[in-house]
Amino acid sequence: MPELGRSVLRISACNANGGGCGNYIRVPVMQAPTLSGRNTLTWTSPVDANYFILERANCASSCSATTSLAWQRVTQTTESQYKQPTTDKGKYLYRVKGCNTV
């Protein structure tokens, strides 16, 4: 896990039934911006993704490699962006799952 204030992207491919998922692939850690107010999260859409599932985990106390995070679904969308409807306070990690309906 990255240190607080940083983000990491993990990618995994699964079949339509939610099975056959490959292992997550980690990509380099990037500096996460400090945000306030309402924000928009955006990502690049893979070629075969029909919809996305955005999840987040609360990182209020710790975000380390040994921390077991409780991921919660934020939204399912066909758009490659998400506009936060509220100004949630706190520290969160976000992840996006690209899905298709083959």
PDB file of N, CA and C in Angstrom:
ATOM      1  N   MET A   1       0.840  -1.186   0.000  1.00  0.00           N
ATOM      2  CA  MET A   1       0.000   0.000   0.000  1.00  0.00           C
ATOM      3  C   MET A   1       0.882   1.244   0.000  1.00  0.00           C
ATOM      4  N   PRO A   2       0.406   2.296  -0.622  1.00  0.00           N
ATOM      5  CA  PRO A   2       1.161   3.544  -0.614  1.00  0.00           C
ATOM      6  C   PRO A   2       1.009   4.254   0.721  1.00  0.00           C
ATOM      7  N   GLU A   3       1.865   5.238   0.948  1.00  0.00           N
ATOM      8  CA  GLU A   3       1.723   6.055   2.145  1.00  0.00           C
ATOM      9  C   GLU A   3       0.523   6.970   1.967  1.00  0.00           C
ATOM     10  N   LEU A   4       0.037   7.527   3.061  1.00  0.00           N
ATOM     11  CA  LEU A   4      -1.082   8.466   2.970  1.00  0.00           C
ATOM     12  C   LEU A   4      -0.689   9.618   2.063  1.00  0.00           C
ATOM     13  N   GLY A   5      -1.656  10.112   1.304  1.00  0.00           N
ATOM     14  CA  GLY A   5      -1.382  11.215   0.393  1.00  0.00           C
ATOM     15  C   GLY A   5      -0.872  10.758  -0.963  1.00  0.00           C
ATOM     16  N   ARG A   6      -0.797   9.444  -1.167  1.00  0.00           N
ATOM     17  CA  ARG A   6      -0.360   8.902  -2.451  1.00  0.00           C
ATOM     18  C   ARG A   6      -1.406   7.902  -2.925  1.00  0.00           C
ATOM     19  N   SER A   7      -1.431   7.629  -4.216  1.00  0.00           N
ATOM     20  CA  SER A   7      -2.405   6.665  -4.727  1.00  0.00           C
ATOM     21  C   SER A   7      -1.708   5.629  -5.593  1.00  0.00           C
ATOM     22  N   VAL A   8      -2.366   4.497  -5.760  1.00  0.00           N
ATOM     23  CA  VAL A   8      -1.816   3.413  -6.569  1.00  0.00           C
ATOM     24  C   VAL A   8      -2.956   2.811  -7.383  1.00  0.00           C
ATOM     25  N   LEU A   9      -2.646   2.331  -8.563  1.00  0.00           N
ATOM     26  CA  LEU A   9      -3.638   1.712  -9.434  1.00  0.00           C
ATOM     27  C   LEU A   9      -3.355   0.222  -9.489  1.00  0.00           C
ATOM     28  N   ARG A  10      -4.400  -0.580  -9.290  1.00  0.00           N
ATOM     29  CA  ARG A  10      -4.285  -2.029  -9.424  1.00  0.00           C
ATOM     30  C   ARG A  10      -5.310  -2.473 -10.459  1.00  0.00           C
ATOM     31  N   ILE A  11      -4.907  -3.343 -11.364  1.00  0.00           N
ATOM     32  CA  ILE A  11      -5.774  -3.762 -12.459  1.00  0.00           C
ATOM     33  C   ILE A  11      -5.942  -5.278 -12.428  1.00  0.00           C
ATOM     34  N   SER A  12      -7.167  -5.743 -12.660  1.00  0.00           N
ATOM     35  CA  SER A  12      -7.444  -7.175 -12.741  1.00  0.00           C
ATOM     36  C   SER A  12      -8.530  -7.402 -13.786  1.00  0.00           C
ATOM     37  N   ALA A  13      -8.449  -8.513 -14.503  1.00  0.00           N
ATOM     38  CA  ALA A  13      -9.464  -8.853 -15.505  1.00  0.00           C
ATOM     39  C   ALA A  13     -10.272 -10.055 -15.024  1.00  0.00           C
ATOM     40  N   CYS A  14     -11.600  -9.985 -15.185  1.00  0.00           N
ATOM     41  CA  CYS A  14     -12.506 -11.067 -14.774  1.00  0.00           C
ATOM     42  C   CYS A  14     -13.511 -11.326 -15.890  1.00  0.00           C
ATOM     43  N   ASN A  15     -14.135 -12.507 -15.871  1.00  0.00           N
ATOM     44  CA  ASN A  15     -15.177 -12.766 -16.858  1.00  0.00           C
ATOM     45  C   ASN A  15     -16.508 -12.194 -16.377  1.00  0.00           C
ATOM     46  N   ALA A  16     -17.537 -12.275 -17.212  1.00  0.00           N
ATOM     47  CA  ALA A  16     -18.835 -11.654 -16.919  1.00  0.00           C
ATOM     48  C   ALA A  16     -19.497 -12.213 -15.668  1.00  0.00           C
ATOM     49  N   ASN A  17     -19.165 -13.430 -15.281  1.00  0.00           N
ATOM     50  CA  ASN A  17     -19.757 -14.036 -14.088  1.00  0.00           C
ATOM     51  C   ASN A  17     -19.005 -13.680 -12.818  1.00  0.00           C
ATOM     52  N   GLY A  18     -17.978 -12.849 -12.940  1.00  0.00           N
ATOM     53  CA  GLY A  18     -17.195 -12.460 -11.778  1.00  0.00           C
ATOM     54  C   GLY A  18     -16.106 -13.465 -11.441  1.00  0.00           C
ATOM     55  N   GLY A  19     -15.983 -14.507 -12.233  1.00  0.00           N
ATOM     56  CA  GLY A  19     -14.958 -15.517 -11.992  1.00  0.00           C
ATOM     57  C   GLY A  19     -13.825 -15.381 -12.978  1.00  0.00           C
ATOM     58  N   GLY A  20     -12.851 -16.245 -12.840  1.00  0.00           N
ATOM     59  CA  GLY A  20     -11.728 -16.237 -13.765  1.00  0.00           C
ATOM     60  C   GLY A  20     -10.879 -14.992 -13.668  1.00  0.00           C
ATOM     61  N   CYS A  21     -10.903 -14.343 -12.519  1.00  0.00           N
ATOM     62  CA  CYS A  21     -10.139 -13.105 -12.351  1.00  0.00           C
ATOM     63  C   CYS A  21      -8.650 -13.409 -12.274  1.00  0.00           C
ATOM     64  N   GLY A  22      -7.885 -12.606 -12.965  1.00  0.00           N
ATOM     65  CA  GLY A  22      -6.441 -12.723 -12.874  1.00  0.00           C
ATOM     66  C   GLY A  22      -5.938 -11.984 -11.648  1.00  0.00           C
ATOM     67  N   ASN A  23      -4.663 -12.122 -11.392  1.00  0.00           N
ATOM     68  CA  ASN A  23      -4.065 -11.391 -10.281  1.00  0.00           C
ATOM     69  C   ASN A  23      -4.033  -9.905 -10.603  1.00  0.00           C
ATOM     70  N   TYR A  24      -4.066  -9.088  -9.560  1.00  0.00           N
ATOM     71  CA  TYR A  24      -3.944  -7.653  -9.760  1.00  0.00           C
ATOM     72  C   TYR A  24      -2.551  -7.330 -10.256  1.00  0.00           C
ATOM     73  N   ILE A  25      -2.473  -6.365 -11.138  1.00  0.00           N
ATOM     74  CA  ILE A  25      -1.202  -5.850 -11.627  1.00  0.00           C
ATOM     75  C   ILE A  25      -1.036  -4.464 -11.027  1.00  0.00           C
ATOM     76  N   ARG A  26       0.074  -4.222 -10.370  1.00  0.00           N
ATOM     77  CA  ARG A  26       0.312  -2.916  -9.758  1.00  0.00           C
ATOM     78  C   ARG A  26       1.111  -2.049 -10.723  1.00  0.00           C
ATOM     79  N   VAL A  27       0.763  -0.797 -10.777  1.00  0.00           N
ATOM     80  CA  VAL A  27       1.497   0.163 -11.595  1.00  0.00           C
ATOM     81  C   VAL A  27       2.132   1.179 -10.659  1.00  0.00           C
ATOM     82  N   PRO A  28       3.083   1.969 -11.136  1.00  0.00           N
ATOM     83  CA  PRO A  28       3.800   2.881 -10.248  1.00  0.00           C
ATOM     84  C   PRO A  28       2.882   3.797  -9.432  1.00  0.00           C
ATOM     85  N   VAL A  29       3.343   4.098  -8.231  1.00  0.00           N
ATOM     86  CA  VAL A  29       2.620   4.995  -7.331  1.00  0.00           C
ATOM     87  C   VAL A  29       2.766   6.419  -7.839  1.00  0.00           C
ATOM     88  N   MET A  30       1.690   7.185  -7.744  1.00  0.00           N
ATOM     89  CA  MET A  30       1.729   8.581  -8.163  1.00  0.00           C
ATOM     90  C   MET A  30       1.306   9.475  -7.001  1.00  0.00           C
ATOM     91  N   GLN A  31       1.690  10.713  -7.034  1.00  0.00           N
ATOM     92  CA  GLN A  31       1.316  11.661  -5.987  1.00  0.00           C
ATOM     93  C   GLN A  31      -0.157  12.024  -6.132  1.00  0.00           C
ATOM     94  N   ALA A  32      -0.910  11.834  -5.074  1.00  0.00           N
ATOM     95  CA  ALA A  32      -2.335  12.178  -5.090  1.00  0.00           C
ATOM     96  C   ALA A  32      -2.510  13.635  -4.697  1.00  0.00           C
ATOM     97  N   PRO A  33      -3.409  14.337  -5.351  1.00  0.00           N
ATOM     98  CA  PRO A  33      -3.631  15.740  -5.001  1.00  0.00           C
ATOM     99  C   PRO A  33      -4.409  15.871  -3.697  1.00  0.00           C
ATOM    100  N   THR A  34      -4.253  17.008  -3.049  1.00  0.00           N
ATOM    101  CA  THR A  34      -5.077  17.333  -1.889  1.00  0.00           C
ATOM    102  C   THR A  34      -6.324  18.000  -2.429  1.00  0.00           C
ATOM    103  N   LEU A  35      -7.472  17.452  -2.109  1.00  0.00           N
ATOM    104  CA  LEU A  35      -8.726  17.937  -2.663  1.00  0.00           C
ATOM    105  C   LEU A  35      -9.612  18.502  -1.570  1.00  0.00           C
ATOM    106  N   SER A  36     -10.460  19.413  -1.952  1.00  0.00           N
ATOM    107  CA  SER A  36     -11.459  19.936  -1.019  1.00  0.00           C
ATOM    108  C   SER A  36     -12.711  20.267  -1.817  1.00  0.00           C
ATOM    109  N   GLY A  37     -13.839  20.274  -1.135  1.00  0.00           N
ATOM    110  CA  GLY A  37     -15.090  20.550  -1.829  1.00  0.00           C
ATOM    111  C   GLY A  37     -15.503  19.378  -2.690  1.00  0.00           C
ATOM    112  N   ARG A  38     -16.305  19.646  -3.698  1.00  0.00           N
ATOM    113  CA  ARG A  38     -16.751  18.596  -4.618  1.00  0.00           C
ATOM    114  C   ARG A  38     -15.700  18.408  -5.699  1.00  0.00           C
ATOM    115  N   ASN A  39     -15.394  17.173  -5.990  1.00  0.00           N
ATOM    116  CA  ASN A  39     -14.342  16.862  -6.950  1.00  0.00           C
ATOM    117  C   ASN A  39     -14.851  15.875  -7.986  1.00  0.00           C
ATOM    118  N   THR A  40     -14.133  15.804  -9.104  1.00  0.00           N
ATOM    119  CA  THR A  40     -14.449  14.849 -10.152  1.00  0.00           C
ATOM    120  C   THR A  40     -13.259  13.916 -10.329  1.00  0.00           C
ATOM    121  N   LEU A  41     -13.509  12.611 -10.218  1.00  0.00           N
ATOM    122  CA  LEU A  41     -12.490  11.606 -10.472  1.00  0.00           C
ATOM    123  C   LEU A  41     -12.624  11.189 -11.928  1.00  0.00           C
ATOM    124  N   THR A  42     -11.516  11.107 -12.652  1.00  0.00           N
ATOM    125  CA  THR A  42     -11.549  10.679 -14.054  1.00  0.00           C
ATOM    126  C   THR A  42     -10.493   9.603 -14.281  1.00  0.00           C
ATOM    127  N   TRP A  43     -10.724   8.762 -15.281  1.00  0.00           N
ATOM    128  CA  TRP A  43      -9.770   7.723 -15.625  1.00  0.00           C
ATOM    129  C   TRP A  43      -9.890   7.442 -17.110  1.00  0.00           C
ATOM    130  N   THR A  44      -8.862   6.814 -17.669  1.00  0.00           N
ATOM    131  CA  THR A  44      -8.851   6.450 -19.079  1.00  0.00           C
ATOM    132  C   THR A  44      -9.553   5.108 -19.243  1.00  0.00           C
ATOM    133  N   SER A  45     -10.461   5.045 -20.187  1.00  0.00           N
ATOM    134  CA  SER A  45     -11.247   3.836 -20.411  1.00  0.00           C
ATOM    135  C   SER A  45     -10.484   2.829 -21.259  1.00  0.00           C
ATOM    136  N   PRO A  46     -10.351   1.580 -20.783  1.00  0.00           N
ATOM    137  CA  PRO A  46      -9.777   0.539 -21.644  1.00  0.00           C
ATOM    138  C   PRO A  46     -10.708   0.294 -22.835  1.00  0.00           C
ATOM    139  N   VAL A  47     -10.180  -0.228 -23.915  1.00  0.00           N
ATOM    140  CA  VAL A  47     -10.939  -0.414 -25.149  1.00  0.00           C
ATOM    141  C   VAL A  47     -12.206  -1.242 -24.946  1.00  0.00           C
ATOM    142  N   ASP A  48     -12.135  -2.337 -24.212  1.00  0.00           N
ATOM    143  CA  ASP A  48     -13.270  -3.252 -24.098  1.00  0.00           C
ATOM    144  C   ASP A  48     -14.156  -3.030 -22.880  1.00  0.00           C
ATOM    145  N   ALA A  49     -13.950  -1.980 -22.119  1.00  0.00           N
ATOM    146  CA  ALA A  49     -14.775  -1.751 -20.922  1.00  0.00           C
ATOM    147  C   ALA A  49     -16.106  -1.118 -21.311  1.00  0.00           C
ATOM    148  N   ASN A  50     -17.219  -1.744 -20.884  1.00  0.00           N
ATOM    149  CA  ASN A  50     -18.559  -1.206 -21.130  1.00  0.00           C
ATOM    150  C   ASN A  50     -19.077  -0.395 -19.951  1.00  0.00           C
ATOM    151  N   TYR A  51     -18.605  -0.745 -18.759  1.00  0.00           N
ATOM    152  CA  TYR A  51     -19.013  -0.007 -17.564  1.00  0.00           C
ATOM    153  C   TYR A  51     -17.929  -0.132 -16.499  1.00  0.00           C
ATOM    154  N   PHE A  52     -18.042   0.685 -15.475  1.00  0.00           N
ATOM    155  CA  PHE A  52     -17.036   0.745 -14.422  1.00  0.00           C
ATOM    156  C   PHE A  52     -17.694   0.648 -13.056  1.00  0.00           C
ATOM    157  N   ILE A  53     -16.979   0.052 -12.123  1.00  0.00           N
ATOM    158  CA  ILE A  53     -17.408   0.019 -10.730  1.00  0.00           C
ATOM    159  C   ILE A  53     -16.351   0.775  -9.937  1.00  0.00           C
ATOM    160  N   LEU A  54     -16.772   1.863  -9.292  1.00  0.00           N
ATOM    161  CA  LEU A  54     -15.874   2.674  -8.478  1.00  0.00           C
ATOM    162  C   LEU A  54     -16.075   2.289  -7.018  1.00  0.00           C
ATOM    163  N   GLU A  55     -14.972   2.000  -6.334  1.00  0.00           N
ATOM    164  CA  GLU A  55     -15.016   1.645  -4.919  1.00  0.00           C
ATOM    165  C   GLU A  55     -14.060   2.539  -4.147  1.00  0.00           C
ATOM    166  N   ARG A  56     -14.319   2.656  -2.842  1.00  0.00           N
ATOM    167  CA  ARG A  56     -13.395   3.413  -2.010  1.00  0.00           C
ATOM    168  C   ARG A  56     -13.281   2.757  -0.640  1.00  0.00           C
ATOM    169  N   ALA A  57     -12.153   3.026   0.010  1.00  0.00           N
ATOM    170  CA  ALA A  57     -11.897   2.517   1.354  1.00  0.00           C
ATOM    171  C   ALA A  57     -11.464   3.686   2.222  1.00  0.00           C
ATOM    172  N   ASN A  58     -11.954   3.703   3.450  1.00  0.00           N
ATOM    173  CA  ASN A  58     -11.594   4.748   4.405  1.00  0.00           C
ATOM    174  C   ASN A  58     -10.193   4.473   4.930  1.00  0.00           C
ATOM    175  N   CYS A  59      -9.363   5.489   4.888  1.00  0.00           N
ATOM    176  CA  CYS A  59      -7.978   5.369   5.346  1.00  0.00           C
ATOM    177  C   CYS A  59      -7.720   6.301   6.518  1.00  0.00           C
ATOM    178  N   ALA A  60      -8.679   6.480   7.383  1.00  0.00           N
ATOM    179  CA  ALA A  60      -8.562   7.439   8.480  1.00  0.00           C
ATOM    180  C   ALA A  60      -7.408   7.118   9.418  1.00  0.00           C
ATOM    181  N   SER A  61      -7.226   5.846   9.741  1.00  0.00           N
ATOM    182  CA  SER A  61      -6.201   5.523  10.730  1.00  0.00           C
ATOM    183  C   SER A  61      -4.911   5.007  10.107  1.00  0.00           C
ATOM    184  N   SER A  62      -5.011   4.163   9.090  1.00  0.00           N
ATOM    185  CA  SER A  62      -3.796   3.583   8.527  1.00  0.00           C
ATOM    186  C   SER A  62      -4.049   3.035   7.131  1.00  0.00           C
ATOM    187  N   CYS A  63      -3.076   3.215   6.276  1.00  0.00           N
ATOM    188  CA  CYS A  63      -3.098   2.623   4.939  1.00  0.00           C
ATOM    189  C   CYS A  63      -1.712   2.061   4.680  1.00  0.00           C
ATOM    190  N   SER A  64      -1.463   0.871   5.173  1.00  0.00           N
ATOM    191  CA  SER A  64      -0.170   0.237   4.956  1.00  0.00           C
ATOM    192  C   SER A  64      -0.379  -1.105   4.278  1.00  0.00           C
ATOM    193  N   ALA A  65       0.715  -1.750   3.910  1.00  0.00           N
ATOM    194  CA  ALA A  65       0.633  -3.033   3.219  1.00  0.00           C
ATOM    195  C   ALA A  65      -0.028  -4.101   4.077  1.00  0.00           C
ATOM    196  N   THR A  66      -0.029  -3.927   5.381  1.00  0.00           N
ATOM    197  CA  THR A  66      -0.615  -4.931   6.271  1.00  0.00           C
ATOM    198  C   THR A  66      -2.043  -4.594   6.679  1.00  0.00           C
ATOM    199  N   THR A  67      -2.555  -3.456   6.236  1.00  0.00           N
ATOM    200  CA  THR A  67      -3.910  -3.047   6.583  1.00  0.00           C
ATOM    201  C   THR A  67      -4.921  -3.747   5.682  1.00  0.00           C
ATOM    202  N   SER A  68      -5.928  -4.332   6.279  1.00  0.00           N
ATOM    203  CA  SER A  68      -7.020  -4.933   5.516  1.00  0.00           C
ATOM    204  C   SER A  68      -8.082  -3.856   5.325  1.00  0.00           C
ATOM    205  N   LEU A  69      -8.275  -3.421   4.095  1.00  0.00           N
ATOM    206  CA  LEU A  69      -9.204  -2.330   3.821  1.00  0.00           C
ATOM    207  C   LEU A  69     -10.598  -2.859   3.510  1.00  0.00           C
ATOM    208  N   ALA A  70     -11.605  -2.125   3.949  1.00  0.00           N
ATOM    209  CA  ALA A  70     -13.005  -2.463   3.675  1.00  0.00           C
ATOM    210  C   ALA A  70     -13.466  -1.633   2.480  1.00  0.00           C
ATOM    211  N   TRP A  71     -13.462  -2.229   1.297  1.00  0.00           N
ATOM    212  CA  TRP A  71     -13.863  -1.531   0.082  1.00  0.00           C
ATOM    213  C   TRP A  71     -15.376  -1.498  -0.016  1.00  0.00           C
ATOM    214  N   GLN A  72     -15.914  -0.325  -0.359  1.00  0.00           N
ATOM    215  CA  GLN A  72     -17.354  -0.158  -0.529  1.00  0.00           C
ATOM    216  C   GLN A  72     -17.632   0.418  -1.908  1.00  0.00           C
ATOM    217  N   ARG A  73     -18.685  -0.103  -2.561  1.00  0.00           N
ATOM    218  CA  ARG A  73     -19.048   0.398  -3.884  1.00  0.00           C
ATOM    219  C   ARG A  73     -19.603   1.809  -3.762  1.00  0.00           C
ATOM    220  N   VAL A  74     -19.072   2.701  -4.585  1.00  0.00           N
ATOM    221  CA  VAL A  74     -19.547   4.083  -4.645  1.00  0.00           C
ATOM    222  C   VAL A  74     -20.586   4.212  -5.748  1.00  0.00           C
ATOM    223  N   THR A  75     -20.271   3.660  -6.923  1.00  0.00           N
ATOM    224  CA  THR A  75     -21.185   3.751  -8.057  1.00  0.00           C
ATOM    225  C   THR A  75     -20.810   2.739  -9.128  1.00  0.00           C
ATOM    226  N   GLN A  76     -21.770   2.456 -10.000  1.00  0.00           N
ATOM    227  CA  GLN A  76     -21.532   1.711 -11.233  1.00  0.00           C
ATOM    228  C   GLN A  76     -21.967   2.647 -12.345  1.00  0.00           C
ATOM    229  N   THR A  77     -21.103   2.867 -13.334  1.00  0.00           N
ATOM    230  CA  THR A  77     -21.375   3.866 -14.359  1.00  0.00           C
ATOM    231  C   THR A  77     -20.793   3.452 -15.705  1.00  0.00           C
ATOM    232  N   THR A  78     -21.341   3.997 -16.781  1.00  0.00           N
ATOM    233  CA  THR A  78     -20.773   3.797 -18.110  1.00  0.00           C
ATOM    234  C   THR A  78     -19.812   4.930 -18.462  1.00  0.00           C
ATOM    235  N   GLU A  79     -19.764   5.948 -17.638  1.00  0.00           N
ATOM    236  CA  GLU A  79     -18.877   7.095 -17.857  1.00  0.00           C
ATOM    237  C   GLU A  79     -17.503   6.818 -17.257  1.00  0.00           C
ATOM    238  N   SER A  80     -16.460   7.445 -17.799  1.00  0.00           N
ATOM    239  CA  SER A  80     -15.118   7.282 -17.238  1.00  0.00           C
ATOM    240  C   SER A  80     -14.782   8.449 -16.310  1.00  0.00           C
ATOM    241  N   GLN A  81     -15.803   8.848 -15.559  1.00  0.00           N
ATOM    242  CA  GLN A  81     -15.613   9.885 -14.543  1.00  0.00           C
ATOM    243  C   GLN A  81     -16.691   9.750 -13.478  1.00  0.00           C
ATOM    244  N   TYR A  82     -16.430  10.345 -12.321  1.00  0.00           N
ATOM    245  CA  TYR A  82     -17.397  10.343 -11.225  1.00  0.00           C
ATOM    246  C   TYR A  82     -17.327  11.692 -10.530  1.00  0.00           C
ATOM    247  N   LYS A  83     -18.465  12.357 -10.436  1.00  0.00           N
ATOM    248  CA  LYS A  83     -18.548  13.643  -9.737  1.00  0.00           C
ATOM    249  C   LYS A  83     -19.088  13.387  -8.339  1.00  0.00           C
ATOM    250  N   GLN A  84     -18.291  13.725  -7.336  1.00  0.00           N
ATOM    251  CA  GLN A  84     -18.729  13.530  -5.962  1.00  0.00           C
ATOM    252  C   GLN A  84     -19.919  14.429  -5.663  1.00  0.00           C
ATOM    253  N   PRO A  85     -21.031  13.858  -5.188  1.00  0.00           N
ATOM    254  CA  PRO A  85     -22.212  14.670  -4.895  1.00  0.00           C
ATOM    255  C   PRO A  85     -22.105  15.422  -3.575  1.00  0.00           C
ATOM    256  N   THR A  86     -21.202  14.978  -2.709  1.00  0.00           N
ATOM    257  CA  THR A  86     -21.054  15.626  -1.404  1.00  0.00           C
ATOM    258  C   THR A  86     -19.594  15.926  -1.145  1.00  0.00           C
ATOM    259  N   THR A  87     -19.356  16.647  -0.104  1.00  0.00           N
ATOM    260  CA  THR A  87     -17.988  16.973   0.288  1.00  0.00           C
ATOM    261  C   THR A  87     -17.602  16.113   1.486  1.00  0.00           C
ATOM    262  N   ASP A  88     -17.446  14.822   1.244  1.00  0.00           N
ATOM    263  CA  ASP A  88     -17.058  13.900   2.311  1.00  0.00           C
ATOM    264  C   ASP A  88     -15.686  14.271   2.854  1.00  0.00           C
ATOM    265  N   LYS A  89     -15.605  14.395   4.151  1.00  0.00           N
ATOM    266  CA  LYS A  89     -14.319  14.688   4.774  1.00  0.00           C
ATOM    267  C   LYS A  89     -13.654  13.368   5.130  1.00  0.00           C
ATOM    268  N   GLY A  90     -12.351  13.335   5.071  1.00  0.00           N
ATOM    269  CA  GLY A  90     -11.619  12.135   5.426  1.00  0.00           C
ATOM    270  C   GLY A  90     -10.586  11.789   4.374  1.00  0.00           C
ATOM    271  N   LYS A  91      -9.883  10.689   4.626  1.00  0.00           N
ATOM    272  CA  LYS A  91      -8.863  10.202   3.703  1.00  0.00           C
ATOM    273  C   LYS A  91      -9.341   8.873   3.141  1.00  0.00           C
ATOM    274  N   TYR A  92      -9.366   8.772   1.814  1.00  0.00           N
ATOM    275  CA  TYR A  92      -9.887   7.587   1.151  1.00  0.00           C
ATOM    276  C   TYR A  92      -8.948   7.116   0.047  1.00  0.00           C
ATOM    277  N   LEU A  93      -8.949   5.825  -0.193  1.00  0.00           N
ATOM    278  CA  LEU A  93      -8.336   5.251  -1.381  1.00  0.00           C
ATOM    279  C   LEU A  93      -9.476   4.901  -2.321  1.00  0.00           C
ATOM    280  N   TYR A  94      -9.289   5.132  -3.617  1.00  0.00           N
ATOM    281  CA  TYR A  94     -10.294   4.789  -4.615  1.00  0.00           C
ATOM    282  C   TYR A  94      -9.714   3.753  -5.563  1.00  0.00           C
ATOM    283  N   ARG A  95     -10.575   2.903  -6.092  1.00  0.00           N
ATOM    284  CA  ARG A  95     -10.166   2.004  -7.165  1.00  0.00           C
ATOM    285  C   ARG A  95     -11.327   1.867  -8.146  1.00  0.00           C
ATOM    286  N   VAL A  96     -10.972   1.643  -9.404  1.00  0.00           N
ATOM    287  CA  VAL A  96     -11.966   1.525 -10.472  1.00  0.00           C
ATOM    288  C   VAL A  96     -11.791   0.166 -11.132  1.00  0.00           C
ATOM    289  N   LYS A  97     -12.896  -0.533 -11.319  1.00  0.00           N
ATOM    290  CA  LYS A  97     -12.883  -1.807 -12.036  1.00  0.00           C
ATOM    291  C   LYS A  97     -13.534  -1.580 -13.396  1.00  0.00           C
ATOM    292  N   GLY A  98     -12.813  -1.873 -14.473  1.00  0.00           N
ATOM    293  CA  GLY A  98     -13.373  -1.798 -15.816  1.00  0.00           C
ATOM    294  C   GLY A  98     -14.013  -3.133 -16.156  1.00  0.00           C
ATOM    295  N   CYS A  99     -15.275  -3.133 -16.591  1.00  0.00           N
ATOM    296  CA  CYS A  99     -16.018  -4.377 -16.841  1.00  0.00           C
ATOM    297  C   CYS A  99     -16.576  -4.381 -18.259  1.00  0.00           C
ATOM    298  N   ASN A 100     -16.854  -5.577 -18.778  1.00  0.00           N
ATOM    299  CA  ASN A 100     -17.547  -5.677 -20.060  1.00  0.00           C
ATOM    300  C   ASN A 100     -18.642  -6.724 -19.949  1.00  0.00           C
ATOM    301  N   THR A 101     -19.540  -6.717 -20.915  1.00  0.00           N
ATOM    302  CA  THR A 101     -20.701  -7.610 -20.885  1.00  0.00           C
ATOM    303  C   THR A 101     -20.643  -8.616 -22.022  1.00  0.00           C
ATOM    304  N   VAL A 102     -19.488  -9.220 -22.211  1.00  0.00           N
ATOM    305  CA  VAL A 102     -19.284 -10.187 -23.297  1.00  0.00           C
ATOM    306  C   VAL A 102     -20.205 -11.366 -23.134  1.00  0.00           C
TER     307      VAL A 102
END
